[in-house]
Every structure is written in structure tokens, then in C-alpha cells.
Amino acid sequence: LRLLVGLPYSTPGAIPGQLKYFYDMAESLILEPRRTRSFPRTVKR
């Protein structure tokens, strides 16, 4: 969303830096391993 909003107002020379920052953020987006269910499913009334 931030990339899309910013692109129309960016100069051509600034775009490569924005792209590099965009992809460099990938490491911060890694999720923690999913926890295994420790309790049974229940059907509520």
C-alpha cells in the first residue's frame, strides 16, 4: 500500500531505492512457527 501510494509522486531516480527497501523488508515479515493445537475442538451451542 505504501509503495503504490508513493510511486505516482516519486522521481525516476528514487524508485530503485524504494524497490530495494520494499524487498529488504521481507525478513521482518517472517512469521513465528505455528503452534500445535493443545486442546480439542468444541462445538458451541
PDB file of all heavy atoms in Angstrom:
ATOM      1  N   LEU A   1       0.826  -1.203   0.000  1.00  0.00           N
ATOM      2  CA  LEU A   1       0.000   0.000   0.000  1.00  0.00           C
ATOM      3  C   LEU A   1       0.864   1.259   0.000  1.00  0.00           C
ATOM      4  O   LEU A   1       0.604   2.201  -0.746  1.00  0.00           O
ATOM      5  CB  LEU A   1      -0.935   0.003   1.210  1.00  0.00           C
ATOM      6  CG  LEU A   1      -2.060  -1.022   1.222  1.00  0.00           C
ATOM      7  CD1 LEU A   1      -2.899  -0.885   2.489  1.00  0.00           C
ATOM      8  CD2 LEU A   1      -2.938  -0.876   0.010  1.00  0.00           C
ATOM      9  N   ARG A   2       1.881   1.259   0.834  1.00  0.00           N
ATOM     10  CA  ARG A   2       2.780   2.420   0.882  1.00  0.00           C
ATOM     11  C   ARG A   2       3.514   2.607  -0.445  1.00  0.00           C
ATOM     12  O   ARG A   2       3.714   3.730  -0.901  1.00  0.00           O
ATOM     13  CB  ARG A   2       3.774   2.263   2.024  1.00  0.00           C
ATOM     14  CG  ARG A   2       3.174   2.527   3.397  1.00  0.00           C
ATOM     15  CD  ARG A   2       4.248   2.686   4.447  1.00  0.00           C
ATOM     16  NE  ARG A   2       4.860   1.419   4.770  1.00  0.00           N
ATOM     17  CZ  ARG A   2       4.429   0.607   5.734  1.00  0.00           C
ATOM     18  NH1 ARG A   2       3.370   0.933   6.460  1.00  0.00           N
ATOM     19  NH2 ARG A   2       5.046  -0.526   5.983  1.00  0.00           N
ATOM     20  N   LEU A   3       3.897   1.488  -1.061  1.00  0.00           N
ATOM     21  CA  LEU A   3       4.592   1.564  -2.343  1.00  0.00           C
ATOM     22  C   LEU A   3       3.681   2.118  -3.434  1.00  0.00           C
ATOM     23  O   LEU A   3       4.074   2.983  -4.215  1.00  0.00           O
ATOM     24  CB  LEU A   3       5.110   0.183  -2.736  1.00  0.00           C
ATOM     25  CG  LEU A   3       5.963   0.102  -4.006  1.00  0.00           C
ATOM     26  CD1 LEU A   3       7.287   0.817  -3.800  1.00  0.00           C
ATOM     27  CD2 LEU A   3       6.215  -1.355  -4.391  1.00  0.00           C
ATOM     28  N   LEU A   4       2.447   1.634  -3.489  1.00  0.00           N
ATOM     29  CA  LEU A   4       1.505   2.085  -4.507  1.00  0.00           C
ATOM     30  C   LEU A   4       1.189   3.568  -4.374  1.00  0.00           C
ATOM     31  O   LEU A   4       1.100   4.296  -5.356  1.00  0.00           O
ATOM     32  CB  LEU A   4       0.215   1.268  -4.443  1.00  0.00           C
ATOM     33  CG  LEU A   4       0.267  -0.173  -4.945  1.00  0.00           C
ATOM     34  CD1 LEU A   4      -1.081  -0.836  -4.763  1.00  0.00           C
ATOM     35  CD2 LEU A   4       0.669  -0.205  -6.406  1.00  0.00           C
ATOM     36  N   VAL A   5       0.993   4.028  -3.147  1.00  0.00           N
ATOM     37  CA  VAL A   5       0.662   5.436  -2.924  1.00  0.00           C
ATOM     38  C   VAL A   5       1.849   6.329  -3.268  1.00  0.00           C
ATOM     39  O   VAL A   5       1.684   7.424  -3.809  1.00  0.00           O
ATOM     40  CB  VAL A   5       0.222   5.656  -1.458  1.00  0.00           C
ATOM     41  CG1 VAL A   5       0.054   7.147  -1.178  1.00  0.00           C
ATOM     42  CG2 VAL A   5      -1.088   4.936  -1.192  1.00  0.00           C
ATOM     43  N   GLY A   6       3.061   5.860  -3.008  1.00  0.00           N
ATOM     44  CA  GLY A   6       4.235   6.682  -3.218  1.00  0.00           C
ATOM     45  C   GLY A   6       4.741   6.739  -4.649  1.00  0.00           C
ATOM     46  O   GLY A   6       5.349   7.730  -5.057  1.00  0.00           O
ATOM     47  N   LEU A   7       4.499   5.693  -5.444  1.00  0.00           N
ATOM     48  CA  LEU A   7       5.042   5.638  -6.796  1.00  0.00           C
ATOM     49  C   LEU A   7       4.632   6.820  -7.686  1.00  0.00           C
ATOM     50  O   LEU A   7       5.469   7.368  -8.396  1.00  0.00           O
ATOM     51  CB  LEU A   7       4.656   4.323  -7.472  1.00  0.00           C
ATOM     52  CG  LEU A   7       5.477   3.091  -7.089  1.00  0.00           C
ATOM     53  CD1 LEU A   7       4.964   1.853  -7.809  1.00  0.00           C
ATOM     54  CD2 LEU A   7       6.954   3.289  -7.383  1.00  0.00           C
ATOM     55  N   PRO A   8       3.370   7.228  -7.700  1.00  0.00           N
ATOM     56  CA  PRO A   8       2.995   8.334  -8.591  1.00  0.00           C
ATOM     57  C   PRO A   8       3.723   9.632  -8.291  1.00  0.00           C
ATOM     58  O   PRO A   8       3.841  10.493  -9.159  1.00  0.00           O
ATOM     59  CB  PRO A   8       1.487   8.477  -8.369  1.00  0.00           C
ATOM     60  CG  PRO A   8       1.049   7.145  -7.869  1.00  0.00           C
ATOM     61  CD  PRO A   8       2.195   6.661  -7.034  1.00  0.00           C
ATOM     62  N   TYR A   9       4.220   9.801  -7.080  1.00  0.00           N
ATOM     63  CA  TYR A   9       4.842  11.053  -6.677  1.00  0.00           C
ATOM     64  C   TYR A   9       6.356  10.927  -6.541  1.00  0.00           C
ATOM     65  O   TYR A   9       7.017  11.816  -6.024  1.00  0.00           O
ATOM     66  CB  TYR A   9       4.229  11.523  -5.359  1.00  0.00           C
ATOM     67  CG  TYR A   9       2.719  11.530  -5.386  1.00  0.00           C
ATOM     68  CD1 TYR A   9       1.982  10.496  -4.801  1.00  0.00           C
ATOM     69  CD2 TYR A   9       2.015  12.525  -6.041  1.00  0.00           C
ATOM     70  CE1 TYR A   9       0.602  10.482  -4.852  1.00  0.00           C
ATOM     71  CE2 TYR A   9       0.629  12.523  -6.108  1.00  0.00           C
ATOM     72  CZ  TYR A   9      -0.071  11.501  -5.507  1.00  0.00           C
ATOM     73  OH  TYR A   9      -1.445  11.483  -5.567  1.00  0.00           O
ATOM     74  N   SER A  10       6.930   9.812  -7.016  1.00  0.00           N
ATOM     75  CA  SER A  10       8.366   9.574  -6.922  1.00  0.00           C
ATOM     76  C   SER A  10       9.062   9.992  -8.209  1.00  0.00           C
ATOM     77  O   SER A  10       8.496   9.899  -9.301  1.00  0.00           O
ATOM     78  CB  SER A  10       8.654   8.095  -6.642  1.00  0.00           C
ATOM     79  OG  SER A  10       8.045   7.675  -5.438  1.00  0.00           O
ATOM     80  N   THR A  11      10.285  10.453  -8.069  1.00  0.00           N
ATOM     81  CA  THR A  11      11.104  10.733  -9.241  1.00  0.00           C
ATOM     82  C   THR A  11      11.704   9.418  -9.742  1.00  0.00           C
ATOM     83  O   THR A  11      11.875   8.469  -8.967  1.00  0.00           O
ATOM     84  CB  THR A  11      12.239  11.695  -8.886  1.00  0.00           C
ATOM     85  OG1 THR A  11      13.085  11.097  -7.879  1.00  0.00           O
ATOM     86  CG2 THR A  11      11.691  13.010  -8.368  1.00  0.00           C
ATOM     87  N   PRO A  12      12.054   9.339 -11.036  1.00  0.00           N
ATOM     88  CA  PRO A  12      12.636   8.101 -11.551  1.00  0.00           C
ATOM     89  C   PRO A  12      13.877   7.646 -10.785  1.00  0.00           C
ATOM     90  O   PRO A  12      14.078   6.449 -10.579  1.00  0.00           O
ATOM     91  CB  PRO A  12      12.972   8.453 -13.001  1.00  0.00           C
ATOM     92  CG  PRO A  12      11.982   9.522 -13.357  1.00  0.00           C
ATOM     93  CD  PRO A  12      11.797  10.322 -12.112  1.00  0.00           C
ATOM     94  N   GLY A  13      14.702   8.593 -10.338  1.00  0.00           N
ATOM     95  CA  GLY A  13      15.914   8.216  -9.630  1.00  0.00           C
ATOM     96  C   GLY A  13      15.669   7.630  -8.252  1.00  0.00           C
ATOM     97  O   GLY A  13      16.521   6.920  -7.709  1.00  0.00           O
ATOM     98  N   ALA A  14      14.506   7.947  -7.657  1.00  0.00           N
ATOM     99  CA  ALA A  14      14.202   7.450  -6.305  1.00  0.00           C
ATOM    100  C   ALA A  14      13.581   6.066  -6.308  1.00  0.00           C
ATOM    101  O   ALA A  14      13.568   5.385  -5.273  1.00  0.00           O
ATOM    102  CB  ALA A  14      13.263   8.425  -5.589  1.00  0.00           C
ATOM    103  N   ILE A  15      13.061   5.608  -7.442  1.00  0.00           N
ATOM    104  CA  ILE A  15      12.333   4.341  -7.495  1.00  0.00           C
ATOM    105  C   ILE A  15      13.205   3.134  -7.155  1.00  0.00           C
ATOM    106  O   ILE A  15      12.772   2.247  -6.394  1.00  0.00           O
ATOM    107  CB  ILE A  15      11.649   4.179  -8.862  1.00  0.00           C
ATOM    108  CG1 ILE A  15      10.470   5.147  -8.956  1.00  0.00           C
ATOM    109  CG2 ILE A  15      11.164   2.743  -9.064  1.00  0.00           C
ATOM    110  CD1 ILE A  15       9.744   5.113 -10.284  1.00  0.00           C
ATOM    111  N   PRO A  16      14.464   3.022  -7.679  1.00  0.00           N
ATOM    112  CA  PRO A  16      15.276   1.843  -7.303  1.00  0.00           C
ATOM    113  C   PRO A  16      15.476   1.695  -5.803  1.00  0.00           C
ATOM    114  O   PRO A  16      15.426   0.581  -5.272  1.00  0.00           O
ATOM    115  CB  PRO A  16      16.603   2.109  -8.020  1.00  0.00           C
ATOM    116  CG  PRO A  16      16.248   2.976  -9.166  1.00  0.00           C
ATOM    117  CD  PRO A  16      15.142   3.857  -8.671  1.00  0.00           C
ATOM    118  N   GLY A  17      15.699   2.813  -5.090  1.00  0.00           N
ATOM    119  CA  GLY A  17      15.865   2.744  -3.645  1.00  0.00           C
ATOM    120  C   GLY A  17      14.604   2.287  -2.941  1.00  0.00           C
ATOM    121  O   GLY A  17      14.659   1.529  -1.973  1.00  0.00           O
ATOM    122  N   GLN A  18      13.438   2.742  -3.422  1.00  0.00           N
ATOM    123  CA  GLN A  18      12.168   2.313  -2.849  1.00  0.00           C
ATOM    124  C   GLN A  18      11.943   0.820  -3.052  1.00  0.00           C
ATOM    125  O   GLN A  18      11.461   0.123  -2.166  1.00  0.00           O
ATOM    126  CB  GLN A  18      11.020   3.112  -3.463  1.00  0.00           C
ATOM    127  CG  GLN A  18      11.028   4.586  -3.118  1.00  0.00           C
ATOM    128  CD  GLN A  18       9.864   5.322  -3.741  1.00  0.00           C
ATOM    129  OE1 GLN A  18       8.872   4.726  -4.119  1.00  0.00           O
ATOM    130  NE2 GLN A  18       9.981   6.626  -3.856  1.00  0.00           N
ATOM    131  N   LEU A  19      12.303   0.320  -4.236  1.00  0.00           N
ATOM    132  CA  LEU A  19      12.164  -1.095  -4.515  1.00  0.00           C
ATOM    133  C   LEU A  19      13.073  -1.946  -3.633  1.00  0.00           C
ATOM    134  O   LEU A  19      12.657  -2.975  -3.099  1.00  0.00           O
ATOM    135  CB  LEU A  19      12.475  -1.377  -5.983  1.00  0.00           C
ATOM    136  CG  LEU A  19      11.387  -1.056  -6.988  1.00  0.00           C
ATOM    137  CD1 LEU A  19      11.872  -1.341  -8.387  1.00  0.00           C
ATOM    138  CD2 LEU A  19      10.143  -1.851  -6.703  1.00  0.00           C
ATOM    139  N   LYS A  20      14.317  -1.505  -3.479  1.00  0.00           N
ATOM    140  CA  LYS A  20      15.248  -2.262  -2.654  1.00  0.00           C
ATOM    141  C   LYS A  20      14.766  -2.326  -1.212  1.00  0.00           C
ATOM    142  O   LYS A  20      14.818  -3.377  -0.564  1.00  0.00           O
ATOM    143  CB  LYS A  20      16.647  -1.650  -2.716  1.00  0.00           C
ATOM    144  CG  LYS A  20      17.728  -2.491  -2.049  1.00  0.00           C
ATOM    145  CD  LYS A  20      19.093  -1.898  -2.254  1.00  0.00           C
ATOM    146  CE  LYS A  20      20.166  -2.833  -1.724  1.00  0.00           C
ATOM    147  NZ  LYS A  20      19.926  -3.290  -0.339  1.00  0.00           N
ATOM    148  N   TYR A  21      14.276  -1.196  -0.691  1.00  0.00           N
ATOM    149  CA  TYR A  21      13.736  -1.172   0.664  1.00  0.00           C
ATOM    150  C   TYR A  21      12.530  -2.099   0.768  1.00  0.00           C
ATOM    151  O   TYR A  21      12.370  -2.821   1.763  1.00  0.00           O
ATOM    152  CB  TYR A  21      13.347   0.252   1.044  1.00  0.00           C
ATOM    153  CG  TYR A  21      12.660   0.354   2.397  1.00  0.00           C
ATOM    154  CD1 TYR A  21      13.388   0.298   3.577  1.00  0.00           C
ATOM    155  CD2 TYR A  21      11.274   0.485   2.474  1.00  0.00           C
ATOM    156  CE1 TYR A  21      12.757   0.373   4.814  1.00  0.00           C
ATOM    157  CE2 TYR A  21      10.639   0.562   3.703  1.00  0.00           C
ATOM    158  CZ  TYR A  21      11.381   0.504   4.867  1.00  0.00           C
ATOM    159  OH  TYR A  21      10.745   0.573   6.086  1.00  0.00           O
ATOM    160  N   PHE A  22      11.689  -2.111  -0.283  1.00  0.00           N
ATOM    161  CA  PHE A  22      10.493  -2.944  -0.299  1.00  0.00           C
ATOM    162  C   PHE A  22      10.856  -4.420  -0.134  1.00  0.00           C
ATOM    163  O   PHE A  22      10.279  -5.126   0.687  1.00  0.00           O
ATOM    164  CB  PHE A  22       9.738  -2.701  -1.607  1.00  0.00           C
ATOM    165  CG  PHE A  22       8.558  -3.617  -1.819  1.00  0.00           C
ATOM    166  CD1 PHE A  22       7.378  -3.436  -1.129  1.00  0.00           C
ATOM    167  CD2 PHE A  22       8.630  -4.653  -2.730  1.00  0.00           C
ATOM    168  CE1 PHE A  22       6.296  -4.270  -1.333  1.00  0.00           C
ATOM    169  CE2 PHE A  22       7.553  -5.492  -2.945  1.00  0.00           C
ATOM    170  CZ  PHE A  22       6.388  -5.300  -2.247  1.00  0.00           C
ATOM    171  N   TYR A  23      11.828  -4.893  -0.909  1.00  0.00           N
ATOM    172  CA  TYR A  23      12.198  -6.301  -0.830  1.00  0.00           C
ATOM    173  C   TYR A  23      13.045  -6.615   0.401  1.00  0.00           C
ATOM    174  O   TYR A  23      13.015  -7.739   0.913  1.00  0.00           O
ATOM    175  CB  TYR A  23      12.928  -6.723  -2.101  1.00  0.00           C
ATOM    176  CG  TYR A  23      11.996  -6.909  -3.280  1.00  0.00           C
ATOM    177  CD1 TYR A  23      11.994  -6.007  -4.333  1.00  0.00           C
ATOM    178  CD2 TYR A  23      11.103  -7.958  -3.322  1.00  0.00           C
ATOM    179  CE1 TYR A  23      11.134  -6.160  -5.401  1.00  0.00           C
ATOM    180  CE2 TYR A  23      10.234  -8.121  -4.386  1.00  0.00           C
ATOM    181  CZ  TYR A  23      10.250  -7.216  -5.418  1.00  0.00           C
ATOM    182  OH  TYR A  23       9.390  -7.363  -6.474  1.00  0.00           O
ATOM    183  N   ASP A  24      13.825  -5.641   0.884  1.00  0.00           N
ATOM    184  CA  ASP A  24      14.627  -5.865   2.079  1.00  0.00           C
ATOM    185  C   ASP A  24      13.768  -6.066   3.322  1.00  0.00           C
ATOM    186  O   ASP A  24      14.252  -6.596   4.328  1.00  0.00           O
ATOM    187  CB  ASP A  24      15.589  -4.693   2.304  1.00  0.00           C
ATOM    188  CG  ASP A  24      16.766  -4.704   1.329  1.00  0.00           C
ATOM    189  OD1 ASP A  24      16.974  -5.741   0.670  1.00  0.00           O
ATOM    190  OD2 ASP A  24      17.460  -3.677   1.215  1.00  0.00           O
ATOM    191  N   MET A  25      12.508  -5.634   3.270  1.00  0.00           N
ATOM    192  CA  MET A  25      11.610  -5.794   4.412  1.00  0.00           C
ATOM    193  C   MET A  25      11.116  -7.225   4.571  1.00  0.00           C
ATOM    194  O   MET A  25      10.452  -7.545   5.557  1.00  0.00           O
ATOM    195  CB  MET A  25      10.400  -4.858   4.268  1.00  0.00           C
ATOM    196  CG  MET A  25      10.730  -3.378   4.363  1.00  0.00           C
ATOM    197  SD  MET A  25      11.492  -2.961   5.954  1.00  0.00           S
ATOM    198  CE  MET A  25      10.145  -3.324   7.075  1.00  0.00           C
ATOM    199  N   ALA A  26      11.433  -8.104   3.612  1.00  0.00           N
ATOM    200  CA  ALA A  26      10.910  -9.469   3.634  1.00  0.00           C
ATOM    201  C   ALA A  26      11.290 -10.205   4.916  1.00  0.00           C
ATOM    202  O   ALA A  26      10.475 -10.933   5.491  1.00  0.00           O
ATOM    203  CB  ALA A  26      11.405 -10.240   2.413  1.00  0.00           C
ATOM    204  N   GLU A  27      12.514 -10.022   5.402  1.00  0.00           N
ATOM    205  CA  GLU A  27      12.960 -10.735   6.593  1.00  0.00           C
ATOM    206  C   GLU A  27      12.132 -10.377   7.823  1.00  0.00           C
ATOM    207  O   GLU A  27      11.892 -11.231   8.683  1.00  0.00           O
ATOM    208  CB  GLU A  27      14.438 -10.448   6.851  1.00  0.00           C
ATOM    209  CG  GLU A  27      15.051 -11.329   7.932  1.00  0.00           C
ATOM    210  CD  GLU A  27      16.550 -11.175   8.031  1.00  0.00           C
ATOM    211  OE1 GLU A  27      17.140 -10.473   7.168  1.00  0.00           O
ATOM    212  OE2 GLU A  27      17.157 -11.773   8.957  1.00  0.00           O
ATOM    213  N   SER A  28      11.690  -9.131   7.913  1.00  0.00           N
ATOM    214  CA  SER A  28      10.889  -8.704   9.064  1.00  0.00           C
ATOM    215  C   SER A  28       9.472  -9.244   9.024  1.00  0.00           C
ATOM    216  O   SER A  28       8.737  -9.120  10.006  1.00  0.00           O
ATOM    217  CB  SER A  28      10.851  -7.173   9.139  1.00  0.00           C
ATOM    218  OG  SER A  28      10.124  -6.634   8.034  1.00  0.00           O
ATOM    219  N   LEU A  29       9.071  -9.838   7.905  1.00  0.00           N
ATOM    220  CA  LEU A  29       7.712 -10.345   7.738  1.00  0.00           C
ATOM    221  C   LEU A  29       7.590 -11.838   8.021  1.00  0.00           C
ATOM    222  O   LEU A  29       6.500 -12.396   7.894  1.00  0.00           O
ATOM    223  CB  LEU A  29       7.221 -10.058   6.320  1.00  0.00           C
ATOM    224  CG  LEU A  29       7.147  -8.572   5.918  1.00  0.00           C
ATOM    225  CD1 LEU A  29       6.772  -8.440   4.447  1.00  0.00           C
ATOM    226  CD2 LEU A  29       6.154  -7.819   6.790  1.00  0.00           C
ATOM    227  N   ILE A  30       8.698 -12.493   8.371  1.00  0.00           N
ATOM    228  CA  ILE A  30       8.657 -13.927   8.651  1.00  0.00           C
ATOM    229  C   ILE A  30       7.837 -14.181   9.917  1.00  0.00           C
ATOM    230  O   ILE A  30       8.073 -13.587  10.964  1.00  0.00           O
ATOM    231  CB  ILE A  30      10.085 -14.496   8.813  1.00  0.00           C
ATOM    232  CG1 ILE A  30      10.873 -14.295   7.517  1.00  0.00           C
ATOM    233  CG2 ILE A  30      10.031 -15.978   9.183  1.00  0.00           C
ATOM    234  CD1 ILE A  30      12.329 -14.710   7.632  1.00  0.00           C
ATOM    235  N   LEU A  31       6.858 -15.067   9.811  1.00  0.00           N
ATOM    236  CA  LEU A  31       6.004 -15.397  10.941  1.00  0.00           C
ATOM    237  C   LEU A  31       6.662 -16.410  11.864  1.00  0.00           C
ATOM    238  O   LEU A  31       7.515 -17.199  11.432  1.00  0.00           O
ATOM    239  CB  LEU A  31       4.668 -15.968  10.450  1.00  0.00           C
ATOM    240  CG  LEU A  31       3.772 -15.035   9.626  1.00  0.00           C
ATOM    241  CD1 LEU A  31       2.617 -15.824   9.027  1.00  0.00           C
ATOM    242  CD2 LEU A  31       3.240 -13.903  10.482  1.00  0.00           C
ATOM    243  N   GLU A  32       6.276 -16.385  13.128  1.00  0.00           N
ATOM    244  CA  GLU A  32       6.723 -17.415  14.056  1.00  0.00           C
ATOM    245  C   GLU A  32       6.079 -18.750  13.678  1.00  0.00           C
ATOM    246  O   GLU A  32       4.990 -18.784  13.109  1.00  0.00           O
ATOM    247  CB  GLU A  32       6.343 -17.049  15.490  1.00  0.00           C
ATOM    248  CG  GLU A  32       7.048 -15.809  16.015  1.00  0.00           C
ATOM    249  CD  GLU A  32       6.689 -15.524  17.459  1.00  0.00           C
ATOM    250  OE1 GLU A  32       5.873 -16.303  18.037  1.00  0.00           O
ATOM    251  OE2 GLU A  32       7.202 -14.535  18.011  1.00  0.00           O
ATOM    252  N   PRO A  33       6.747 -19.872  13.979  1.00  0.00           N
ATOM    253  CA  PRO A  33       6.156 -21.181  13.660  1.00  0.00           C
ATOM    254  C   PRO A  33       4.780 -21.337  14.307  1.00  0.00           C
ATOM    255  O   PRO A  33       4.539 -20.877  15.417  1.00  0.00           O
ATOM    256  CB  PRO A  33       7.169 -22.179  14.252  1.00  0.00           C
ATOM    257  CG  PRO A  33       8.463 -21.423  14.301  1.00  0.00           C
ATOM    258  CD  PRO A  33       8.092 -19.996  14.583  1.00  0.00           C
ATOM    259  N   ARG A  34       3.866 -21.938  13.563  1.00  0.00           N
ATOM    260  CA  ARG A  34       2.511 -22.127  14.065  1.00  0.00           C
ATOM    261  C   ARG A  34       2.510 -23.105  15.238  1.00  0.00           C
ATOM    262  O   ARG A  34       3.173 -24.134  15.216  1.00  0.00           O
ATOM    263  CB  ARG A  34       1.603 -22.655  12.955  1.00  0.00           C
ATOM    264  CG  ARG A  34       1.401 -21.662  11.814  1.00  0.00           C
ATOM    265  CD  ARG A  34       0.588 -22.262  10.695  1.00  0.00           C
ATOM    266  NE  ARG A  34       0.422 -21.333   9.587  1.00  0.00           N
ATOM    267  CZ  ARG A  34      -0.153 -21.640   8.427  1.00  0.00           C
ATOM    268  NH1 ARG A  34      -0.615 -22.871   8.231  1.00  0.00           N
ATOM    269  NH2 ARG A  34      -0.251 -20.726   7.477  1.00  0.00           N
ATOM    270  N   ARG A  35       1.739 -22.767  16.250  1.00  0.00           N
ATOM    271  CA  ARG A  35       1.612 -23.625  17.412  1.00  0.00           C
ATOM    272  C   ARG A  35       0.665 -24.782  17.123  1.00  0.00           C
ATOM    273  O   ARG A  35      -0.321 -24.636  16.414  1.00  0.00           O
ATOM    274  CB  ARG A  35       1.099 -22.833  18.611  1.00  0.00           C
ATOM    275  CG  ARG A  35       2.032 -21.744  19.096  1.00  0.00           C
ATOM    276  CD  ARG A  35       1.378 -20.932  20.209  1.00  0.00           C
ATOM    277  NE  ARG A  35       0.207 -20.228  19.721  1.00  0.00           N
ATOM    278  CZ  ARG A  35      -0.599 -19.491  20.491  1.00  0.00           C
ATOM    279  NH1 ARG A  35      -0.359 -19.388  21.785  1.00  0.00           N
ATOM    280  NH2 ARG A  35      -1.635 -18.883  19.954  1.00  0.00           N
ATOM    281  N   THR A  36       0.982 -25.923  17.661  1.00  0.00           N
ATOM    282  CA  THR A  36       0.083 -27.064  17.547  1.00  0.00           C
ATOM    283  C   THR A  36      -1.077 -26.908  18.523  1.00  0.00           C
ATOM    284  O   THR A  36      -0.923 -26.340  19.603  1.00  0.00           O
ATOM    285  CB  THR A  36       0.825 -28.385  17.841  1.00  0.00           C
ATOM    286  OG1 THR A  36       1.425 -28.319  19.109  1.00  0.00           O
ATOM    287  CG2 THR A  36       1.879 -28.647  16.819  1.00  0.00           C
ATOM    288  N   ARG A  37      -2.243 -27.395  18.117  1.00  0.00           N
ATOM    289  CA  ARG A  37      -3.429 -27.275  18.948  1.00  0.00           C
ATOM    290  C   ARG A  37      -3.270 -28.105  20.212  1.00  0.00           C
ATOM    291  O   ARG A  37      -3.004 -29.297  20.181  1.00  0.00           O
ATOM    292  CB  ARG A  37      -4.667 -27.731  18.190  1.00  0.00           C
ATOM    293  CG  ARG A  37      -5.968 -27.560  18.961  1.00  0.00           C
ATOM    294  CD  ARG A  37      -7.148 -27.986  18.091  1.00  0.00           C
ATOM    295  NE  ARG A  37      -7.297 -27.119  16.949  1.00  0.00           N
ATOM    296  CZ  ARG A  37      -7.951 -25.979  16.983  1.00  0.00           C
ATOM    297  NH1 ARG A  37      -8.514 -25.562  18.114  1.00  0.00           N
ATOM    298  NH2 ARG A  37      -8.035 -25.240  15.898  1.00  0.00           N
ATOM    299  N   SER A  38      -3.410 -27.470  21.360  1.00  0.00           N
ATOM    300  CA  SER A  38      -3.250 -28.153  22.642  1.00  0.00           C
ATOM    301  C   SER A  38      -4.573 -28.493  23.299  1.00  0.00           C
ATOM    302  O   SER A  38      -4.599 -28.978  24.410  1.00  0.00           O
ATOM    303  CB  SER A  38      -2.420 -27.281  23.593  1.00  0.00           C
ATOM    304  OG  SER A  38      -3.048 -26.014  23.799  1.00  0.00           O
ATOM    305  N   PHE A  39      -5.669 -28.222  22.608  1.00  0.00           N
ATOM    306  CA  PHE A  39      -6.980 -28.517  23.165  1.00  0.00           C
ATOM    307  C   PHE A  39      -7.903 -28.952  22.038  1.00  0.00           C
ATOM    308  O   PHE A  39      -7.736 -28.533  20.894  1.00  0.00           O
ATOM    309  CB  PHE A  39      -7.564 -27.292  23.889  1.00  0.00           C
ATOM    310  CG  PHE A  39      -7.563 -26.041  23.055  1.00  0.00           C
ATOM    311  CD1 PHE A  39      -8.632 -25.729  22.237  1.00  0.00           C
ATOM    312  CD2 PHE A  39      -6.477 -25.169  23.092  1.00  0.00           C
ATOM    313  CE1 PHE A  39      -8.626 -24.573  21.475  1.00  0.00           C
ATOM    314  CE2 PHE A  39      -6.469 -24.015  22.305  1.00  0.00           C
ATOM    315  CZ  PHE A  39      -7.545 -23.712  21.514  1.00  0.00           C
ATOM    316  N   PRO A  40      -8.863 -29.821  22.334  1.00  0.00           N
ATOM    317  CA  PRO A  40      -9.747 -30.316  21.273  1.00  0.00           C
ATOM    318  C   PRO A  40     -10.724 -29.249  20.804  1.00  0.00           C
ATOM    319  O   PRO A  40     -11.034 -28.300  21.523  1.00  0.00           O
ATOM    320  CB  PRO A  40     -10.476 -31.481  21.940  1.00  0.00           C
ATOM    321  CG  PRO A  40     -10.479 -31.118  23.402  1.00  0.00           C
ATOM    322  CD  PRO A  40      -9.176 -30.405  23.649  1.00  0.00           C
ATOM    323  N   ARG A  41     -11.168 -29.414  19.575  1.00  0.00           N
ATOM    324  CA  ARG A  41     -12.217 -28.548  19.062  1.00  0.00           C
ATOM    325  C   ARG A  41     -13.527 -28.808  19.788  1.00  0.00           C
ATOM    326  O   ARG A  41     -13.839 -29.936  20.139  1.00  0.00           O
ATOM    327  CB  ARG A  41     -12.429 -28.768  17.564  1.00  0.00           C
ATOM    328  CG  ARG A  41     -11.362 -28.217  16.700  1.00  0.00           C
ATOM    329  CD  ARG A  41     -11.713 -28.377  15.244  1.00  0.00           C
ATOM    330  NE  ARG A  41     -10.701 -27.852  14.375  1.00  0.00           N
ATOM    331  CZ  ARG A  41     -10.645 -26.602  13.972  1.00  0.00           C
ATOM    332  NH1 ARG A  41     -11.554 -25.747  14.378  1.00  0.00           N
ATOM    333  NH2 ARG A  41      -9.684 -26.195  13.177  1.00  0.00           N
ATOM    334  N   THR A  42     -14.281 -27.783  20.019  1.00  0.00           N
ATOM    335  CA  THR A  42     -15.585 -27.928  20.652  1.00  0.00           C
ATOM    336  C   THR A  42     -16.637 -27.228  19.802  1.00  0.00           C
ATOM    337  O   THR A  42     -16.358 -26.221  19.148  1.00  0.00           O
ATOM    338  CB  THR A  42     -15.601 -27.327  22.067  1.00  0.00           C
ATOM    339  OG1 THR A  42     -15.255 -25.925  22.010  1.00  0.00           O
ATOM    340  CG2 THR A  42     -14.635 -28.058  22.972  1.00  0.00           C
ATOM    341  N   VAL A  43     -17.809 -27.779  19.801  1.00  0.00           N
ATOM    342  CA  VAL A  43     -18.927 -27.173  19.092  1.00  0.00           C
ATOM    343  C   VAL A  43     -19.813 -26.455  20.104  1.00  0.00           C
ATOM    344  O   VAL A  43     -20.393 -27.077  20.994  1.00  0.00           O
ATOM    345  CB  VAL A  43     -19.741 -28.224  18.323  1.00  0.00           C
ATOM    346  CG1 VAL A  43     -20.914 -27.565  17.613  1.00  0.00           C
ATOM    347  CG2 VAL A  43     -18.859 -28.963  17.327  1.00  0.00           C
ATOM    348  N   LYS A  44     -19.888 -25.142  19.990  1.00  0.00           N
ATOM    349  CA  LYS A  44     -20.682 -24.362  20.923  1.00  0.00           C
ATOM    350  C   LYS A  44     -22.160 -24.376  20.520  1.00  0.00           C
ATOM    351  O   LYS A  44     -22.505 -24.455  19.357  1.00  0.00           O
ATOM    352  CB  LYS A  44     -20.171 -22.918  20.973  1.00  0.00           C
ATOM    353  CG  LYS A  44     -18.760 -22.784  21.537  1.00  0.00           C
ATOM    354  CD  LYS A  44     -18.353 -21.336  21.624  1.00  0.00           C
ATOM    355  CE  LYS A  44     -16.963 -21.189  22.225  1.00  0.00           C
ATOM    356  NZ  LYS A  44     -16.565 -19.755  22.322  1.00  0.00           N
ATOM    357  N   ARG A  45     -23.011 -24.304  21.542  1.00  0.00           N
ATOM    358  CA  ARG A  45     -24.444 -24.241  21.277  1.00  0.00           C
ATOM    359  C   ARG A  45     -24.796 -22.922  20.590  1.00  0.00           C
ATOM    360  O   ARG A  45     -24.200 -21.895  20.862  1.00  0.00           O
ATOM    361  CB  ARG A  45     -25.229 -24.354  22.590  1.00  0.00           C
ATOM    362  CG  ARG A  45     -25.115 -25.705  23.290  1.00  0.00           C
ATOM    363  CD  ARG A  45     -25.960 -25.679  24.562  1.00  0.00           C
ATOM    364  NE  ARG A  45     -25.894 -26.922  25.293  1.00  0.00           N
ATOM    365  CZ  ARG A  45     -26.711 -27.948  25.114  1.00  0.00           C
ATOM    366  NH1 ARG A  45     -27.674 -27.832  24.211  1.00  0.00           N
ATOM    367  NH2 ARG A  45     -26.585 -29.051  25.818  1.00  0.00           N
TER     368      ARG A  45
END
